[in-house]
Amino acid sequence: MFKPVKKTRIHEEIVFKIRDMIKEGRLKSGDQLPTERELAEAFKVSRPSVREALRALESQGYLVSRQGDGTYVTQQPIELLVEPFASVITKEKYDQLELFEMRRLLEPQIVCIAAERATPEEIEEMAKLVEQEEQELLSTDPKPTPEKTLHEVIFKAAKNNIISSIMDSLIDSLAESRDKYLQIKGRPEMSLGRHKEILAAIRMGDGQMAARIMREHLEETEALLFGNLAKYNEHEDMGKEEQ
């Protein structure tokens, strides 16, 4: 079952192989893995490579390490639990309004949890994103899009891998319309104001306030986007016809 792997990006190859064994049922929930030494011999790699792979699989929710006992396949690997849901979101062409409604139902509760669990480092990361958002709004020069949004950092701050995986898939599915949304007059200013209020609530650790502001923010955004998106599309179509 455990076969030698290629010597390129060794620990990643080990991750792929063990993850495939779990998905295919060759390694089942509760199964104990061989020791690092035994895995290194089976894969024909070094023990540090095995150790790095096991750490990666543990962080992804596939494995759990029990001190003095060994490493086991988790009862419900997070990626396997979320994968069917995420796959449906990413593969099906759902109406953007339906996806946004789902976001509006989930995010207020997520930010409530994040306000209670956010570390000082995560709050500082949020603050930098809000500051960057404000500078971009005031500047006439286009700036590169940040790798993360405030909402994504909030998901991370909730310290729940299932929530992060689900919401990342949901946000990705809304990305195709994001450029059009950003063209709607007044949206950037409104979002910035609400983001500042959400950040302030998180700084205070007030989950209920953060949830209320997030709910209001998403309700306002939904009304603005879906009340004006049809007009935006009509204007864009007219522009194409004139060209």
Protein backbone atom coordinates (compact mmCIF):
# COMPACT_ATOMS: atom_id res chain seq x y z
CA MET A 1 0.00 0.00 0.00
CA PHE A 2 2.85 2.40 0.82
CA LYS A 3 5.01 2.73 -2.32
CA PRO A 4 8.14 4.80 -3.06
CA VAL A 5 7.54 8.40 -4.15
CA LYS A 6 9.39 10.73 -6.49
CA LYS A 7 12.16 12.79 -4.93
CA THR A 8 10.71 16.12 -6.16
CA ARG A 9 8.81 18.17 -3.53
CA ILE A 10 8.94 15.06 -1.43
CA HIS A 11 6.74 16.02 1.49
CA GLU A 12 3.98 17.19 -0.87
CA GLU A 13 4.10 13.87 -2.71
CA ILE A 14 3.67 12.09 0.61
CA VAL A 15 0.72 14.34 1.47
CA PHE A 16 -0.95 13.53 -1.86
CA LYS A 17 -0.42 9.80 -1.45
CA ILE A 18 -1.72 9.55 2.11
CA ARG A 19 -4.65 11.84 1.32
CA ASP A 20 -5.56 9.65 -1.67
CA MET A 21 -5.41 6.54 0.52
CA ILE A 22 -7.88 8.18 2.91
CA LYS A 23 -10.24 9.31 0.13
CA GLU A 24 -10.16 5.88 -1.51
CA GLY A 25 -10.84 4.13 1.78
CA ARG A 26 -7.54 2.30 1.99
CA LEU A 27 -6.94 4.24 5.20
CA LYS A 28 -10.10 4.56 7.25
CA SER A 29 -11.18 6.81 10.12
CA GLY A 30 -9.48 5.62 13.29
CA ASP A 31 -6.68 3.74 11.51
CA GLN A 32 -3.23 4.21 13.01
CA LEU A 33 -0.43 5.14 10.62
CA PRO A 34 2.92 3.38 10.71
CA THR A 35 5.71 5.18 12.58
CA GLU A 36 7.78 7.91 10.93
CA ARG A 37 10.62 5.44 10.47
CA GLU A 38 8.38 2.84 8.88
CA LEU A 39 6.79 5.41 6.55
CA ALA A 40 10.22 6.75 5.58
CA GLU A 41 11.35 3.23 4.68
CA ALA A 42 8.15 2.48 2.75
CA PHE A 43 8.23 5.74 0.78
CA LYS A 44 12.05 5.62 0.40
CA VAL A 45 12.40 9.16 1.77
CA SER A 46 13.93 10.85 4.82
CA ARG A 47 12.17 11.02 8.19
CA PRO A 48 12.10 14.88 8.15
CA SER A 49 10.13 14.73 4.88
CA VAL A 50 7.66 12.32 6.45
CA ARG A 51 7.40 14.50 9.56
CA GLU A 52 6.67 17.61 7.45
CA ALA A 53 4.00 15.75 5.48
CA LEU A 54 2.30 14.46 8.63
CA ARG A 55 2.21 17.98 10.07
CA ALA A 56 0.59 19.27 6.89
CA LEU A 57 -2.02 16.51 6.93
CA GLU A 58 -2.74 17.20 10.60
CA SER A 59 -3.26 20.92 9.92
CA GLN A 60 -5.65 20.02 7.09
CA GLY A 61 -7.69 17.87 9.47
CA TYR A 62 -6.85 14.47 7.98
CA LEU A 63 -4.72 13.21 10.87
CA VAL A 64 -4.49 13.60 14.61
CA SER A 65 -1.32 13.03 16.63
CA ARG A 66 -1.69 11.51 20.10
CA GLN A 67 1.40 12.03 22.22
CA GLY A 68 2.98 8.75 23.23
CA ASP A 69 0.48 6.78 21.15
CA GLY A 70 0.87 7.57 17.45
CA THR A 71 -0.80 9.24 14.49
CA TYR A 72 -4.37 8.38 13.48
CA VAL A 73 -6.77 9.16 10.66
CA THR A 74 -9.38 11.53 12.07
CA GLN A 75 -13.00 10.47 12.42
CA GLN A 76 -14.16 13.23 10.07
CA PRO A 77 -11.34 14.77 8.03
CA ILE A 78 -12.35 18.39 7.50
CA GLU A 79 -11.59 18.50 3.79
CA LEU A 80 -13.64 15.36 3.18
CA LEU A 81 -16.53 16.75 5.21
CA VAL A 82 -16.60 20.07 3.37
CA GLU A 83 -15.64 18.83 -0.10
CA PRO A 84 -19.15 17.73 -1.26
CA PHE A 85 -20.67 21.06 -0.17
CA ALA A 86 -17.85 23.11 -1.69
CA SER A 87 -18.03 21.09 -4.90
CA VAL A 88 -21.73 21.85 -5.30
CA ILE A 89 -21.14 25.58 -4.83
CA THR A 90 -18.22 25.78 -7.26
CA LYS A 91 -19.64 23.54 -10.00
CA GLU A 92 -23.26 24.64 -10.06
CA LYS A 93 -24.16 28.00 -11.58
CA TYR A 94 -26.36 29.29 -8.80
CA ASP A 95 -28.04 32.66 -9.03
CA GLN A 96 -25.80 35.29 -7.48
CA LEU A 97 -28.64 36.57 -5.31
CA GLU A 98 -29.12 33.11 -3.76
CA LEU A 99 -25.42 32.87 -2.98
CA PHE A 100 -25.44 36.33 -1.44
CA GLU A 101 -28.48 35.49 0.67
CA MET A 102 -26.60 32.50 2.05
CA ARG A 103 -23.66 34.73 2.85
CA ARG A 104 -25.97 37.17 4.64
CA LEU A 105 -27.32 34.36 6.79
CA LEU A 106 -23.90 33.02 7.81
CA GLU A 107 -21.49 35.95 8.14
CA PRO A 108 -23.10 37.78 11.09
CA GLN A 109 -22.69 34.68 13.26
CA ILE A 110 -19.14 34.13 11.99
CA VAL A 111 -18.06 37.67 12.88
CA CYS A 112 -19.66 37.23 16.30
CA ILE A 113 -17.37 34.24 16.92
CA ALA A 114 -14.38 36.03 15.39
CA ALA A 115 -14.83 39.00 17.75
CA GLU A 116 -14.41 36.63 20.68
CA ARG A 117 -11.50 34.63 19.24
CA ALA A 118 -9.44 37.05 17.15
CA THR A 119 -5.79 37.38 18.18
CA PRO A 120 -4.04 40.78 18.35
CA GLU A 121 -2.14 39.80 15.19
CA GLU A 122 -5.35 39.04 13.30
CA ILE A 123 -6.93 42.31 14.45
CA GLU A 124 -3.83 44.16 13.24
CA GLU A 125 -4.12 42.39 9.88
CA MET A 126 -7.76 43.51 9.64
CA ALA A 127 -6.76 47.08 10.51
CA LYS A 128 -4.13 47.13 7.76
CA LEU A 129 -6.67 45.92 5.20
CA VAL A 130 -9.17 48.62 6.22
CA GLU A 131 -6.41 51.25 6.03
CA GLN A 132 -5.39 49.99 2.60
CA GLU A 133 -9.05 50.10 1.50
CA GLU A 134 -9.27 53.75 2.60
CA GLN A 135 -6.02 54.74 0.88
CA GLU A 136 -7.16 53.09 -2.34
CA LEU A 137 -10.46 54.98 -2.19
CA LEU A 138 -8.65 58.30 -1.79
CA SER A 139 -6.02 57.57 -4.43
CA THR A 140 -6.37 58.12 -8.17
CA ASP A 141 -3.72 55.50 -8.96
CA PRO A 142 -4.91 51.88 -9.28
CA LYS A 143 -3.49 49.61 -6.58
CA PRO A 144 -2.97 45.84 -6.74
CA THR A 145 -5.82 43.83 -5.23
CA PRO A 146 -4.92 42.57 -1.74
CA GLU A 147 -4.37 38.83 -1.43
CA LYS A 148 -6.97 38.74 1.35
CA THR A 149 -10.13 40.70 2.12
CA LEU A 150 -11.34 41.80 5.53
CA HIS A 151 -14.08 39.18 5.36
CA GLU A 152 -11.58 36.38 4.69
CA VAL A 153 -9.45 37.38 7.68
CA ILE A 154 -12.62 37.37 9.80
CA PHE A 155 -13.31 33.79 8.65
CA LYS A 156 -9.80 32.81 9.72
CA ALA A 157 -10.20 34.57 13.08
CA ALA A 158 -13.26 32.44 13.86
CA LYS A 159 -10.82 29.50 14.31
CA ASN A 160 -13.11 27.01 12.58
CA ASN A 161 -11.67 25.22 9.55
CA ILE A 162 -15.08 24.07 8.32
CA ILE A 163 -16.39 27.63 8.34
CA SER A 164 -13.31 28.87 6.49
CA SER A 165 -13.58 26.20 3.79
CA ILE A 166 -17.29 26.75 3.21
CA MET A 167 -17.06 30.55 3.13
CA ASP A 168 -14.00 30.56 0.88
CA SER A 169 -15.95 28.49 -1.66
CA LEU A 170 -18.94 30.80 -1.35
CA ILE A 171 -16.88 33.97 -1.81
CA ASP A 172 -15.05 32.45 -4.80
CA SER A 173 -18.40 31.71 -6.46
CA LEU A 174 -19.38 35.36 -6.16
CA ALA A 175 -16.10 36.55 -7.69
CA GLU A 176 -17.28 36.56 -11.31
CA SER A 177 -19.69 39.41 -10.60
CA ARG A 178 -17.39 41.29 -8.22
CA ASP A 179 -15.96 43.59 -10.89
CA LYS A 180 -19.43 44.72 -11.89
CA TYR A 181 -20.41 45.26 -8.26
CA LEU A 182 -17.43 47.53 -7.70
CA GLN A 183 -18.65 49.85 -10.45
CA ILE A 184 -21.88 50.68 -8.62
CA LYS A 185 -21.76 54.25 -7.37
CA GLY A 186 -21.44 54.64 -3.63
CA ARG A 187 -20.58 51.05 -2.84
CA PRO A 188 -16.86 51.50 -1.96
CA GLU A 189 -17.57 54.38 0.44
CA MET A 190 -20.42 52.49 2.10
CA SER A 191 -18.31 49.34 2.51
CA LEU A 192 -15.39 51.26 3.98
CA GLY A 193 -17.61 52.89 6.61
CA ARG A 194 -19.12 49.57 7.63
CA HIS A 195 -15.73 47.84 7.66
CA LYS A 196 -14.46 50.45 10.11
CA GLU A 197 -17.46 49.85 12.37
CA ILE A 198 -16.99 46.06 12.22
CA LEU A 199 -13.29 46.42 13.04
CA ALA A 200 -14.10 48.65 16.03
CA ALA A 201 -16.57 46.07 17.37
CA ILE A 202 -14.02 43.28 16.97
CA ARG A 203 -11.38 45.38 18.77
CA MET A 204 -13.81 45.70 21.70
CA GLY A 205 -14.53 41.97 21.60
CA ASP A 206 -18.25 42.75 21.24
CA GLY A 207 -19.58 39.86 19.16
CA GLN A 208 -23.21 40.96 19.25
CA MET A 209 -22.38 44.44 18.00
CA ALA A 210 -20.12 43.03 15.28
CA ALA A 211 -22.89 40.66 14.17
CA ARG A 212 -25.46 43.48 14.02
CA ILE A 213 -23.19 45.72 11.97
CA MET A 214 -22.24 42.88 9.62
CA ARG A 215 -25.91 42.03 9.09
CA GLU A 216 -26.74 45.66 8.31
CA HIS A 217 -23.69 45.91 6.04
CA LEU A 218 -24.67 42.84 4.01
CA GLU A 219 -28.33 43.91 3.83
CA GLU A 220 -27.30 47.33 2.52
CA THR A 221 -24.87 45.79 0.07
CA GLU A 222 -27.45 43.32 -1.16
CA ALA A 223 -30.01 46.07 -1.74
CA LEU A 224 -27.44 48.22 -3.53
CA LEU A 225 -26.04 45.44 -5.68
CA PHE A 226 -29.18 43.71 -6.77
CA GLY A 227 -31.20 46.88 -7.05
CA ASN A 228 -28.66 48.43 -9.42
CA LEU A 229 -27.01 45.45 -11.11
CA ALA A 230 -29.75 45.15 -13.74
CA LYS A 231 -29.30 48.83 -14.66
CA TYR A 232 -25.55 48.33 -14.83
CA ASN A 233 -25.94 45.37 -17.20
CA GLU A 234 -28.34 47.30 -19.41
CA HIS A 235 -25.85 50.19 -19.64
CA GLU A 236 -22.98 47.79 -20.44
CA ASP A 237 -25.02 46.05 -23.17
CA MET A 238 -25.92 49.41 -24.75
CA GLY A 239 -22.23 50.35 -24.77
CA LYS A 240 -21.37 47.12 -26.62
CA GLU A 241 -24.09 47.76 -29.22
CA GLU A 242 -22.75 51.25 -29.92
CA GLN A 243 -19.20 49.95 -30.49
